[in-house]
Amino acid sequence: MRDVVIIGAGVSGCAIARELSRFALDILVLEKEEDVCCGTSKANSGIVHAGFDALAGSLMAKLNVAGSNKMEALSQELDFPYRRNGSLVLMTRPDQRDALEALLENGRKNGVDGLEILDRDALLAMEPHLSDEVLAGLYAPTGAIVCPFGLTIALAENAAANGVEFQFDSPVTGLSRTGDFWTVETPTMTVQTRTVINAAGVHAGDMHGFATGETMKIIPRRGEYFLMDHTVGNYVNSTVFQLPGPMSKGVLVTPTVHGNLLVGPTAADQPQRDRTATTAEGLAYAQDMARKSVPGLPLRDVITSFAGLRAHLAEGEDDF
């Protein structure tokens, strides 16, 4: 009998495991892949969002700001790469001024420190490679970058050192409740537990269905990226966003904590939960959109491309 079974060993599952390992609990993490950080958590932008764009009053807004405030201390405690490089959201047309002002006001409501709108000259002093079209931008000094797999592995290692057990190659195939206990089934084992925590990412809807018999439709949203060489890693120093759209925060250009330059993501909904192939069309779109912010990107220095899937709830508000 386990006290807690956590389904999923991505950053959420590993962070939960690490936090619960502070207590005298028998905890098991089940992961369908061969290691931690094999899904969404390894293929993303590596951004620690300041929290200015999440809807004021939402759980996302609350956790964005709280997580940003805690991340530097956590990186020192667990020894994973982190850098507070600040972020910029660019305005390229006069008719976008109201949207930029609204983003500033929303961020202040969320409690994001240090937000300000900078004019073109101030932006170019920070980032000389920005487009000639850029008129102004929202500056968030608390924006940061992190190694996403370094963070996830560090959380998992600390949890394991505190006694949490990880079982890999163990997809959950069923959940049922009898009295006060849950039975969790995998192809090779059956576990009884008092508590089940669903951190299964794009598969979380399946886990919800096993447990409740109800449908929670999660749509995988594919984001394609390309990564550039260390020789151009300082082409921008901040994380450079465009104004957010209905599907995403837009294509960004950012340094990485490893000294590369990262461009992406696109945002394409798909039914498949394991399709992470890149496409010529997606990468071309990412390049074209990135050039709107940073037109001189040295694209001959691209060394690889990749795609990741993020979980998007089909119904309701776009919140955690």
C-alpha atoms as a PDB file:
ATOM      1  CA  MET A   1       0.000   0.000   0.000  1.00  0.00           C
ATOM      2  CA  ARG A   2       1.391   3.368  -1.113  1.00  0.00           C
ATOM      3  CA  ASP A   3       0.478   6.727   0.344  1.00  0.00           C
ATOM      4  CA  VAL A   4       0.790   8.532  -3.005  1.00  0.00           C
ATOM      5  CA  VAL A   5       1.133   7.452  -6.639  1.00  0.00           C
ATOM      6  CA  ILE A   6       2.117  10.226  -9.054  1.00  0.00           C
ATOM      7  CA  ILE A   7       1.434   9.570 -12.737  1.00  0.00           C
ATOM      8  CA  GLY A   8       4.021  11.292 -14.898  1.00  0.00           C
ATOM      9  CA  ALA A   9       7.683  12.177 -14.357  1.00  0.00           C
ATOM     10  CA  GLY A  10       7.793  15.479 -16.170  1.00  0.00           C
ATOM     11  CA  VAL A  11       8.586  18.725 -14.400  1.00  0.00           C
ATOM     12  CA  SER A  12       5.185  18.844 -12.673  1.00  0.00           C
ATOM     13  CA  GLY A  13       5.294  15.253 -11.448  1.00  0.00           C
ATOM     14  CA  CYS A  14       8.895  15.547 -10.282  1.00  0.00           C
ATOM     15  CA  ALA A  15       8.264  18.876  -8.532  1.00  0.00           C
ATOM     16  CA  ILE A  16       5.269  17.376  -6.718  1.00  0.00           C
ATOM     17  CA  ALA A  17       7.303  14.299  -5.776  1.00  0.00           C
ATOM     18  CA  ARG A  18      10.103  16.454  -4.427  1.00  0.00           C
ATOM     19  CA  GLU A  19       7.731  18.601  -2.373  1.00  0.00           C
ATOM     20  CA  LEU A  20       5.865  15.602  -0.909  1.00  0.00           C
ATOM     21  CA  SER A  21       9.160  13.898  -0.091  1.00  0.00           C
ATOM     22  CA  ARG A  22       9.521  16.384   2.778  1.00  0.00           C
ATOM     23  CA  PHE A  23       6.919  14.300   4.614  1.00  0.00           C
ATOM     24  CA  ALA A  24       6.902  10.719   5.942  1.00  0.00           C
ATOM     25  CA  LEU A  25       5.067   9.273   2.937  1.00  0.00           C
ATOM     26  CA  ASP A  26       5.536   6.209   0.743  1.00  0.00           C
ATOM     27  CA  ILE A  27       5.561   7.757  -2.745  1.00  0.00           C
ATOM     28  CA  LEU A  28       5.761   6.072  -6.158  1.00  0.00           C
ATOM     29  CA  VAL A  29       6.130   7.901  -9.474  1.00  0.00           C
ATOM     30  CA  LEU A  30       4.968   5.981 -12.555  1.00  0.00           C
ATOM     31  CA  GLU A  31       6.337   7.089 -15.933  1.00  0.00           C
ATOM     32  CA  LYS A  32       5.501   5.489 -19.264  1.00  0.00           C
ATOM     33  CA  GLU A  33       8.838   6.430 -20.852  1.00  0.00           C
ATOM     34  CA  GLU A  34      12.324   5.177 -19.999  1.00  0.00           C
ATOM     35  CA  ASP A  35      13.355   8.184 -17.885  1.00  0.00           C
ATOM     36  CA  VAL A  36      12.178  11.462 -16.409  1.00  0.00           C
ATOM     37  CA  CYS A  37      11.650  14.469 -18.671  1.00  0.00           C
ATOM     38  CA  CYS A  38      10.824  12.569 -21.870  1.00  0.00           C
ATOM     39  CA  GLY A  39       7.717  14.532 -22.905  1.00  0.00           C
ATOM     40  CA  THR A  40       6.689  18.185 -22.798  1.00  0.00           C
ATOM     41  CA  SER A  41       9.290  18.998 -20.156  1.00  0.00           C
ATOM     42  CA  LYS A  42      12.272  18.332 -22.413  1.00  0.00           C
ATOM     43  CA  ALA A  43      11.042  20.103 -25.561  1.00  0.00           C
ATOM     44  CA  ASN A  44      10.010  23.661 -24.766  1.00  0.00           C
ATOM     45  CA  SER A  45      11.302  27.220 -24.644  1.00  0.00           C
ATOM     46  CA  GLY A  46      13.083  26.958 -21.280  1.00  0.00           C
ATOM     47  CA  ILE A  47      11.447  30.217 -20.206  1.00  0.00           C
ATOM     48  CA  VAL A  48      10.655  31.242 -16.633  1.00  0.00           C
ATOM     49  CA  HIS A  49       7.740  33.548 -17.411  1.00  0.00           C
ATOM     50  CA  ALA A  50       7.484  36.762 -15.438  1.00  0.00           C
ATOM     51  CA  GLY A  51       3.684  36.416 -15.372  1.00  0.00           C
ATOM     52  CA  PHE A  52       2.528  39.584 -17.133  1.00  0.00           C
ATOM     53  CA  ASP A  53       0.370  37.940 -19.808  1.00  0.00           C
ATOM     54  CA  ALA A  54      -1.643  35.410 -17.779  1.00  0.00           C
ATOM     55  CA  LEU A  55      -5.218  36.504 -17.087  1.00  0.00           C
ATOM     56  CA  ALA A  56      -5.336  38.558 -13.895  1.00  0.00           C
ATOM     57  CA  GLY A  57      -6.781  36.527 -11.037  1.00  0.00           C
ATOM     58  CA  SER A  58      -6.160  33.176 -12.739  1.00  0.00           C
ATOM     59  CA  LEU A  59      -4.256  30.279 -11.226  1.00  0.00           C
ATOM     60  CA  MET A  60      -1.755  30.609 -14.055  1.00  0.00           C
ATOM     61  CA  ALA A  61      -1.063  34.224 -13.102  1.00  0.00           C
ATOM     62  CA  LYS A  62      -0.616  33.332  -9.439  1.00  0.00           C
ATOM     63  CA  LEU A  63       1.747  30.436 -10.142  1.00  0.00           C
ATOM     64  CA  ASN A  64       3.719  32.232 -12.883  1.00  0.00           C
ATOM     65  CA  VAL A  65       4.664  35.011 -10.495  1.00  0.00           C
ATOM     66  CA  ALA A  66       5.236  32.725  -7.493  1.00  0.00           C
ATOM     67  CA  GLY A  67       7.348  30.342  -9.566  1.00  0.00           C
ATOM     68  CA  SER A  68       9.407  33.163 -11.043  1.00  0.00           C
ATOM     69  CA  ASN A  69      10.088  34.537  -7.567  1.00  0.00           C
ATOM     70  CA  LYS A  70      11.239  31.135  -6.275  1.00  0.00           C
ATOM     71  CA  MET A  71      13.242  29.879  -9.243  1.00  0.00           C
ATOM     72  CA  GLU A  72      16.601  31.542  -8.591  1.00  0.00           C
ATOM     73  CA  ALA A  73      16.813  30.219  -5.025  1.00  0.00           C
ATOM     74  CA  LEU A  74      15.692  26.782  -6.231  1.00  0.00           C
ATOM     75  CA  SER A  75      18.421  26.752  -8.901  1.00  0.00           C
ATOM     76  CA  GLN A  76      21.048  27.448  -6.244  1.00  0.00           C
ATOM     77  CA  GLU A  77      19.634  24.808  -3.922  1.00  0.00           C
ATOM     78  CA  LEU A  78      19.433  22.072  -6.575  1.00  0.00           C
ATOM     79  CA  ASP A  79      22.301  23.236  -8.829  1.00  0.00           C
ATOM     80  CA  PHE A  80      20.671  23.574 -12.253  1.00  0.00           C
ATOM     81  CA  PRO A  81      21.365  26.331 -14.815  1.00  0.00           C
ATOM     82  CA  TYR A  82      19.254  29.484 -14.502  1.00  0.00           C
ATOM     83  CA  ARG A  83      19.728  33.072 -15.674  1.00  0.00           C
ATOM     84  CA  ARG A  84      17.544  36.130 -15.127  1.00  0.00           C
ATOM     85  CA  ASN A  85      17.986  37.758 -18.527  1.00  0.00           C
ATOM     86  CA  GLY A  86      14.742  39.759 -18.687  1.00  0.00           C
ATOM     87  CA  SER A  87      12.120  39.648 -21.412  1.00  0.00           C
ATOM     88  CA  LEU A  88      10.772  42.062 -24.020  1.00  0.00           C
ATOM     89  CA  VAL A  89       7.384  42.120 -25.769  1.00  0.00           C
ATOM     90  CA  LEU A  90       7.675  44.142 -28.959  1.00  0.00           C
ATOM     91  CA  MET A  91       5.243  46.533 -30.606  1.00  0.00           C
ATOM     92  CA  THR A  92       5.745  47.072 -34.345  1.00  0.00           C
ATOM     93  CA  ARG A  93       2.615  49.063 -35.265  1.00  0.00           C
ATOM     94  CA  PRO A  94       1.062  52.191 -33.706  1.00  0.00           C
ATOM     95  CA  ASP A  95      -2.312  50.428 -33.423  1.00  0.00           C
ATOM     96  CA  GLN A  96      -0.745  47.909 -31.006  1.00  0.00           C
ATOM     97  CA  ARG A  97      -0.142  50.526 -28.326  1.00  0.00           C
ATOM     98  CA  ASP A  98      -3.368  49.786 -26.484  1.00  0.00           C
ATOM     99  CA  ALA A  99      -2.550  46.071 -26.388  1.00  0.00           C
ATOM    100  CA  LEU A 100       0.902  46.803 -25.001  1.00  0.00           C
ATOM    101  CA  GLU A 101      -0.530  49.113 -22.342  1.00  0.00           C
ATOM    102  CA  ALA A 102      -3.100  46.451 -21.437  1.00  0.00           C
ATOM    103  CA  LEU A 103      -0.305  43.897 -21.020  1.00  0.00           C
ATOM    104  CA  LEU A 104       1.529  46.296 -18.707  1.00  0.00           C
ATOM    105  CA  GLU A 105      -1.583  46.866 -16.600  1.00  0.00           C
ATOM    106  CA  ASN A 106      -2.362  43.143 -16.488  1.00  0.00           C
ATOM    107  CA  GLY A 107       1.170  42.376 -15.327  1.00  0.00           C
ATOM    108  CA  ARG A 108       0.951  44.948 -12.565  1.00  0.00           C
ATOM    109  CA  LYS A 109      -2.338  43.416 -11.394  1.00  0.00           C
ATOM    110  CA  ASN A 110      -0.562  40.054 -11.272  1.00  0.00           C
ATOM    111  CA  GLY A 111       2.171  41.494  -9.055  1.00  0.00           C
ATOM    112  CA  VAL A 112       5.034  41.380 -11.569  1.00  0.00           C
ATOM    113  CA  ASP A 113       7.840  43.652 -10.389  1.00  0.00           C
ATOM    114  CA  GLY A 114       9.672  46.224 -12.486  1.00  0.00           C
ATOM    115  CA  LEU A 115       7.479  46.279 -15.590  1.00  0.00           C
ATOM    116  CA  GLU A 116       7.850  49.288 -17.879  1.00  0.00           C
ATOM    117  CA  ILE A 117       7.285  50.270 -21.479  1.00  0.00           C
ATOM    118  CA  LEU A 118      10.484  51.323 -23.233  1.00  0.00           C
ATOM    119  CA  ASP A 119      10.743  53.438 -26.366  1.00  0.00           C
ATOM    120  CA  ARG A 120      12.680  52.389 -29.441  1.00  0.00           C
ATOM    121  CA  ASP A 121      15.977  54.021 -28.422  1.00  0.00           C
ATOM    122  CA  ALA A 122      15.972  52.300 -25.032  1.00  0.00           C
ATOM    123  CA  LEU A 123      15.187  48.955 -26.658  1.00  0.00           C
ATOM    124  CA  LEU A 124      18.011  49.302 -29.183  1.00  0.00           C
ATOM    125  CA  ALA A 125      20.436  50.140 -26.403  1.00  0.00           C
ATOM    126  CA  MET A 126      19.554  46.758 -24.901  1.00  0.00           C
ATOM    127  CA  GLU A 127      19.134  44.781 -28.128  1.00  0.00           C
ATOM    128  CA  PRO A 128      20.788  46.377 -31.179  1.00  0.00           C
ATOM    129  CA  HIS A 129      19.640  43.634 -33.580  1.00  0.00           C
ATOM    130  CA  LEU A 130      15.927  44.374 -33.259  1.00  0.00           C
ATOM    131  CA  SER A 131      13.856  45.151 -36.342  1.00  0.00           C
ATOM    132  CA  ASP A 132      13.574  48.652 -37.790  1.00  0.00           C
ATOM    133  CA  GLU A 133       9.809  48.198 -37.381  1.00  0.00           C
ATOM    134  CA  VAL A 134       9.983  48.029 -33.581  1.00  0.00           C
ATOM    135  CA  LEU A 135       8.422  51.126 -32.007  1.00  0.00           C
ATOM    136  CA  ALA A 136       8.248  50.229 -28.307  1.00  0.00           C
ATOM    137  CA  GLY A 137       8.255  47.243 -25.999  1.00  0.00           C
ATOM    138  CA  LEU A 138       7.242  45.977 -22.596  1.00  0.00           C
ATOM    139  CA  TYR A 139      10.286  45.167 -20.470  1.00  0.00           C
ATOM    140  CA  ALA A 140      10.020  42.586 -17.693  1.00  0.00           C
ATOM    141  CA  PRO A 141      13.302  42.390 -15.756  1.00  0.00           C
ATOM    142  CA  THR A 142      12.153  39.316 -13.803  1.00  0.00           C
ATOM    143  CA  GLY A 143      11.860  37.154 -16.936  1.00  0.00           C
ATOM    144  CA  ALA A 144      14.443  34.368 -16.974  1.00  0.00           C
ATOM    145  CA  ILE A 145      15.707  31.269 -18.738  1.00  0.00           C
ATOM    146  CA  VAL A 146      16.371  27.832 -17.339  1.00  0.00           C
ATOM    147  CA  CYS A 147      17.578  24.408 -18.446  1.00  0.00           C
ATOM    148  CA  PRO A 148      14.245  22.527 -18.554  1.00  0.00           C
ATOM    149  CA  PHE A 149      15.746  19.045 -18.409  1.00  0.00           C
ATOM    150  CA  GLY A 150      18.316  20.132 -15.836  1.00  0.00           C
ATOM    151  CA  LEU A 151      15.490  21.441 -13.647  1.00  0.00           C
ATOM    152  CA  THR A 152      13.411  18.272 -14.022  1.00  0.00           C
ATOM    153  CA  ILE A 153      16.330  15.936 -13.372  1.00  0.00           C
ATOM    154  CA  ALA A 154      17.377  17.945 -10.307  1.00  0.00           C
ATOM    155  CA  LEU A 155      13.869  17.736  -8.859  1.00  0.00           C
ATOM    156  CA  ALA A 156      13.727  13.989  -9.516  1.00  0.00           C
ATOM    157  CA  GLU A 157      17.176  13.351  -8.029  1.00  0.00           C
ATOM    158  CA  ASN A 158      16.284  15.258  -4.854  1.00  0.00           C
ATOM    159  CA  ALA A 159      12.985  13.392  -4.564  1.00  0.00           C
ATOM    160  CA  ALA A 160      14.744  10.056  -5.038  1.00  0.00           C
ATOM    161  CA  ALA A 161      17.365  10.964  -2.436  1.00  0.00           C
ATOM    162  CA  ASN A 162      14.490  11.620  -0.052  1.00  0.00           C
ATOM    163  CA  GLY A 163      13.030   8.162  -0.645  1.00  0.00           C
ATOM    164  CA  VAL A 164      10.642   8.575  -3.575  1.00  0.00           C
ATOM    165  CA  GLU A 165      10.584   5.516  -5.865  1.00  0.00           C
ATOM    166  CA  PHE A 166      10.459   5.950  -9.654  1.00  0.00           C
ATOM    167  CA  GLN A 167       9.152   3.181 -11.911  1.00  0.00           C
ATOM    168  CA  PHE A 168       9.843   3.711 -15.625  1.00  0.00           C
ATOM    169  CA  ASP A 169       8.412   1.997 -18.726  1.00  0.00           C
ATOM    170  CA  SER A 170       5.163   1.847 -16.748  1.00  0.00           C
ATOM    171  CA  PRO A 171       2.205   3.404 -18.567  1.00  0.00           C
ATOM    172  CA  VAL A 172      -0.938   3.515 -16.455  1.00  0.00           C
ATOM    173  CA  THR A 173      -3.664   1.435 -18.118  1.00  0.00           C
ATOM    174  CA  GLY A 174      -6.393   1.653 -15.501  1.00  0.00           C
ATOM    175  CA  LEU A 175      -7.573   3.321 -12.290  1.00  0.00           C
ATOM    176  CA  SER A 176     -10.336   2.154  -9.994  1.00  0.00           C
ATOM    177  CA  ARG A 177     -11.469   3.059  -6.503  1.00  0.00           C
ATOM    178  CA  THR A 178     -12.601   0.674  -3.768  1.00  0.00           C
ATOM    179  CA  GLY A 179     -13.548   2.265  -0.479  1.00  0.00           C
ATOM    180  CA  ASP A 180     -10.746   4.575   0.615  1.00  0.00           C
ATOM    181  CA  PHE A 181      -8.134   3.227  -1.811  1.00  0.00           C
ATOM    182  CA  TRP A 182      -7.197   3.459  -5.464  1.00  0.00           C
ATOM    183  CA  THR A 183      -5.938   0.588  -7.579  1.00  0.00           C
ATOM    184  CA  VAL A 184      -3.488   1.687 -10.269  1.00  0.00           C
ATOM    185  CA  GLU A 185      -2.764  -0.735 -13.103  1.00  0.00           C
ATOM    186  CA  THR A 186       0.199  -0.935 -15.460  1.00  0.00           C
ATOM    187  CA  PRO A 187       1.155  -3.735 -17.876  1.00  0.00           C
ATOM    188  CA  THR A 188       3.531  -5.229 -15.281  1.00  0.00           C
ATOM    189  CA  MET A 189       2.152  -4.309 -11.869  1.00  0.00           C
ATOM    190  CA  THR A 190      -0.890  -3.343  -9.809  1.00  0.00           C
ATOM    191  CA  VAL A 191      -0.503  -0.812  -7.004  1.00  0.00           C
ATOM    192  CA  GLN A 192      -2.863   0.211  -4.234  1.00  0.00           C
ATOM    193  CA  THR A 193      -2.637   3.762  -2.919  1.00  0.00           C
ATOM    194  CA  ARG A 194      -4.491   6.283  -0.820  1.00  0.00           C
ATOM    195  CA  THR A 195      -3.932   9.143  -3.259  1.00  0.00           C
ATOM    196  CA  VAL A 196      -3.387   9.442  -7.013  1.00  0.00           C
ATOM    197  CA  ILE A 197      -1.906  12.599  -8.544  1.00  0.00           C
ATOM    198  CA  ASN A 198      -2.417  13.059 -12.268  1.00  0.00           C
ATOM    199  CA  ALA A 199       0.626  14.771 -13.835  1.00  0.00           C
ATOM    200  CA  ALA A 200       0.447  12.951 -17.163  1.00  0.00           C
ATOM    201  CA  GLY A 201       0.673  15.957 -19.488  1.00  0.00           C
ATOM    202  CA  VAL A 202      -0.998  15.364 -22.843  1.00  0.00           C
ATOM    203  CA  HIS A 203      -2.212  12.001 -21.476  1.00  0.00           C
ATOM    204  CA  ALA A 204      -3.863  13.551 -18.396  1.00  0.00           C
ATOM    205  CA  GLY A 205      -7.281  13.312 -20.035  1.00  0.00           C
ATOM    206  CA  ASP A 206      -6.952   9.535 -20.238  1.00  0.00           C
ATOM    207  CA  MET A 207      -6.059   9.333 -16.549  1.00  0.00           C
ATOM    208  CA  HIS A 208      -9.049  11.529 -15.701  1.00  0.00           C
ATOM    209  CA  GLY A 209     -11.275   9.222 -17.738  1.00  0.00           C
ATOM    210  CA  PHE A 210      -9.967   6.104 -15.991  1.00  0.00           C
ATOM    211  CA  ALA A 211     -10.683   7.656 -12.606  1.00  0.00           C
ATOM    212  CA  THR A 212     -14.077   9.254 -13.242  1.00  0.00           C
ATOM    213  CA  GLY A 213     -15.563   7.731 -16.375  1.00  0.00           C
ATOM    214  CA  GLU A 214     -15.933  11.286 -17.663  1.00  0.00           C
ATOM    215  CA  THR A 215     -14.256  12.908 -20.632  1.00  0.00           C
ATOM    216  CA  MET A 216     -11.656  15.620 -20.243  1.00  0.00           C
ATOM    217  CA  LYS A 217     -10.437  16.374 -23.739  1.00  0.00           C
ATOM    218  CA  ILE A 218      -6.847  17.531 -23.925  1.00  0.00           C
ATOM    219  CA  ILE A 219      -5.548  18.577 -27.319  1.00  0.00           C
ATOM    220  CA  PRO A 220      -1.781  18.351 -27.927  1.00  0.00           C
ATOM    221  CA  ARG A 221      -0.439  21.635 -29.261  1.00  0.00           C
ATOM    222  CA  ARG A 222       2.757  21.108 -31.248  1.00  0.00           C
ATOM    223  CA  GLY A 223       5.461  23.732 -31.078  1.00  0.00           C
ATOM    224  CA  GLU A 224       8.389  23.603 -33.503  1.00  0.00           C
ATOM    225  CA  TYR A 225      11.777  25.153 -32.748  1.00  0.00           C
ATOM    226  CA  PHE A 226      15.204  25.506 -34.219  1.00  0.00           C
ATOM    227  CA  LEU A 227      18.396  25.815 -32.235  1.00  0.00           C
ATOM    228  CA  MET A 228      21.421  27.829 -33.298  1.00  0.00           C
ATOM    229  CA  ASP A 229      25.122  27.477 -32.577  1.00  0.00           C
ATOM    230  CA  HIS A 230      27.062  28.934 -29.631  1.00  0.00           C
ATOM    231  CA  THR A 231      28.731  31.359 -32.041  1.00  0.00           C
ATOM    232  CA  VAL A 232      25.470  33.347 -32.218  1.00  0.00           C
ATOM    233  CA  GLY A 233      24.249  32.678 -28.681  1.00  0.00           C
ATOM    234  CA  ASN A 234      24.520  36.345 -27.706  1.00  0.00           C
ATOM    235  CA  TYR A 235      22.706  37.717 -30.767  1.00  0.00           C
ATOM    236  CA  VAL A 236      20.031  38.743 -28.286  1.00  0.00           C
ATOM    237  CA  ASN A 237      20.481  38.875 -24.537  1.00  0.00           C
ATOM    238  CA  SER A 238      16.836  39.151 -23.486  1.00  0.00           C
ATOM    239  CA  THR A 239      13.994  36.810 -24.359  1.00  0.00           C
ATOM    240  CA  VAL A 240      12.284  38.624 -27.218  1.00  0.00           C
ATOM    241  CA  PHE A 241       8.536  38.057 -27.646  1.00  0.00           C
ATOM    242  CA  GLN A 242       5.947  39.436 -29.996  1.00  0.00           C
ATOM    243  CA  LEU A 243       2.551  40.497 -28.688  1.00  0.00           C
ATOM    244  CA  PRO A 244       0.643  37.347 -27.604  1.00  0.00           C
ATOM    245  CA  GLY A 245      -1.973  35.858 -29.926  1.00  0.00           C
ATOM    246  CA  PRO A 246      -4.954  33.579 -29.274  1.00  0.00           C
ATOM    247  CA  MET A 247      -2.921  30.380 -29.701  1.00  0.00           C
ATOM    248  CA  SER A 248       0.324  31.213 -27.933  1.00  0.00           C
ATOM    249  CA  LYS A 249       2.758  33.853 -26.758  1.00  0.00           C
ATOM    250  CA  GLY A 250       4.094  33.962 -30.298  1.00  0.00           C
ATOM    251  CA  VAL A 251       7.441  33.039 -31.795  1.00  0.00           C
ATOM    252  CA  LEU A 252      10.289  34.098 -29.536  1.00  0.00           C
ATOM    253  CA  VAL A 253      14.014  34.560 -29.938  1.00  0.00           C
ATOM    254  CA  THR A 254      16.003  33.813 -26.812  1.00  0.00           C
ATOM    255  CA  PRO A 255      19.425  32.812 -25.590  1.00  0.00           C
ATOM    256  CA  THR A 256      19.659  29.539 -23.722  1.00  0.00           C
ATOM    257  CA  VAL A 257      21.527  28.846 -20.501  1.00  0.00           C
ATOM    258  CA  HIS A 258      23.863  26.635 -22.551  1.00  0.00           C
ATOM    259  CA  GLY A 259      24.943  29.520 -24.793  1.00  0.00           C
ATOM    260  CA  ASN A 260      22.847  28.753 -27.874  1.00  0.00           C
ATOM    261  CA  LEU A 261      20.114  30.792 -29.535  1.00  0.00           C
ATOM    262  CA  LEU A 262      16.590  29.332 -29.650  1.00  0.00           C
ATOM    263  CA  VAL A 263      13.761  30.317 -32.010  1.00  0.00           C
ATOM    264  CA  GLY A 264      10.128  29.148 -31.743  1.00  0.00           C
ATOM    265  CA  PRO A 265       7.603  27.810 -31.051  1.00  0.00           C
ATOM    266  CA  THR A 266       4.875  27.487 -33.612  1.00  0.00           C
ATOM    267  CA  ALA A 267       1.423  26.485 -32.340  1.00  0.00           C
ATOM    268  CA  ALA A 268      -0.499  23.774 -34.197  1.00  0.00           C
ATOM    269  CA  ASP A 269      -3.209  21.652 -32.585  1.00  0.00           C
ATOM    270  CA  GLN A 270      -3.201  17.977 -33.529  1.00  0.00           C
ATOM    271  CA  PRO A 271      -4.993  14.801 -32.411  1.00  0.00           C
ATOM    272  CA  GLN A 272      -1.832  12.696 -32.084  1.00  0.00           C
ATOM    273  CA  ARG A 273      -0.188  12.650 -28.651  1.00  0.00           C
ATOM    274  CA  ASP A 274       3.109  11.195 -29.814  1.00  0.00           C
ATOM    275  CA  ARG A 275       3.778  13.101 -33.036  1.00  0.00           C
ATOM    276  CA  THR A 276       6.802  15.304 -32.435  1.00  0.00           C
ATOM    277  CA  ALA A 277       8.204  15.460 -35.959  1.00  0.00           C
ATOM    278  CA  THR A 278       9.128  18.849 -37.331  1.00  0.00           C
ATOM    279  CA  THR A 279       7.791  20.085 -40.660  1.00  0.00           C
ATOM    280  CA  ALA A 280       9.294  22.247 -43.364  1.00  0.00           C
ATOM    281  CA  GLU A 281       6.226  24.484 -43.194  1.00  0.00           C
ATOM    282  CA  GLY A 282       6.394  24.894 -39.424  1.00  0.00           C
ATOM    283  CA  LEU A 283      10.072  25.732 -39.340  1.00  0.00           C
ATOM    284  CA  ALA A 284       9.695  28.172 -42.231  1.00  0.00           C
ATOM    285  CA  TYR A 285       6.882  29.892 -40.352  1.00  0.00           C
ATOM    286  CA  ALA A 286       9.013  30.111 -37.198  1.00  0.00           C
ATOM    287  CA  GLN A 287      11.836  31.682 -39.175  1.00  0.00           C
ATOM    288  CA  ASP A 288       9.563  34.183 -40.891  1.00  0.00           C
ATOM    289  CA  MET A 289       7.905  35.226 -37.634  1.00  0.00           C
ATOM    290  CA  ALA A 290      11.219  35.494 -35.778  1.00  0.00           C
ATOM    291  CA  ARG A 291      12.570  37.781 -38.485  1.00  0.00           C
ATOM    292  CA  LYS A 292       9.770  40.237 -37.697  1.00  0.00           C
ATOM    293  CA  SER A 293      11.476  40.787 -34.337  1.00  0.00           C
ATOM    294  CA  VAL A 294      15.112  40.113 -35.214  1.00  0.00           C
ATOM    295  CA  PRO A 295      15.481  40.342 -39.014  1.00  0.00           C
ATOM    296  CA  GLY A 296      19.188  39.564 -39.231  1.00  0.00           C
ATOM    297  CA  LEU A 297      19.064  36.142 -37.622  1.00  0.00           C
ATOM    298  CA  PRO A 298      22.113  34.171 -38.832  1.00  0.00           C
ATOM    299  CA  LEU A 299      20.112  31.158 -39.992  1.00  0.00           C
ATOM    300  CA  ARG A 300      23.169  29.438 -41.455  1.00  0.00           C
ATOM    301  CA  ASP A 301      24.114  28.679 -37.864  1.00  0.00           C
ATOM    302  CA  VAL A 302      21.092  26.449 -37.184  1.00  0.00           C
ATOM    303  CA  ILE A 303      22.372  23.166 -35.752  1.00  0.00           C
ATOM    304  CA  THR A 304      19.145  21.264 -35.077  1.00  0.00           C
ATOM    305  CA  SER A 305      15.377  21.485 -34.920  1.00  0.00           C
ATOM    306  CA  PHE A 306      12.830  19.814 -32.674  1.00  0.00           C
ATOM    307  CA  ALA A 307       9.169  19.877 -31.682  1.00  0.00           C
ATOM    308  CA  GLY A 308       7.373  19.488 -28.376  1.00  0.00           C
ATOM    309  CA  LEU A 309       3.756  18.972 -27.363  1.00  0.00           C
ATOM    310  CA  ARG A 310       1.986  20.945 -24.678  1.00  0.00           C
ATOM    311  CA  ALA A 311      -1.358  20.055 -23.143  1.00  0.00           C
ATOM    312  CA  HIS A 312      -4.257  22.319 -24.055  1.00  0.00           C
ATOM    313  CA  LEU A 313      -7.694  21.833 -22.523  1.00  0.00           C
ATOM    314  CA  ALA A 314     -10.297  21.788 -25.292  1.00  0.00           C
ATOM    315  CA  GLU A 315     -13.036  23.388 -23.174  1.00  0.00           C
ATOM    316  CA  GLY A 316     -13.079  26.262 -20.722  1.00  0.00           C
ATOM    317  CA  GLU A 317     -10.570  28.992 -20.008  1.00  0.00           C
ATOM    318  CA  ASP A 318      -6.927  28.555 -20.913  1.00  0.00           C
ATOM    319  CA  ASP A 319      -5.724  28.193 -17.339  1.00  0.00           C
ATOM    320  CA  PHE A 320      -3.878  25.646 -15.228  1.00  0.00           C
END
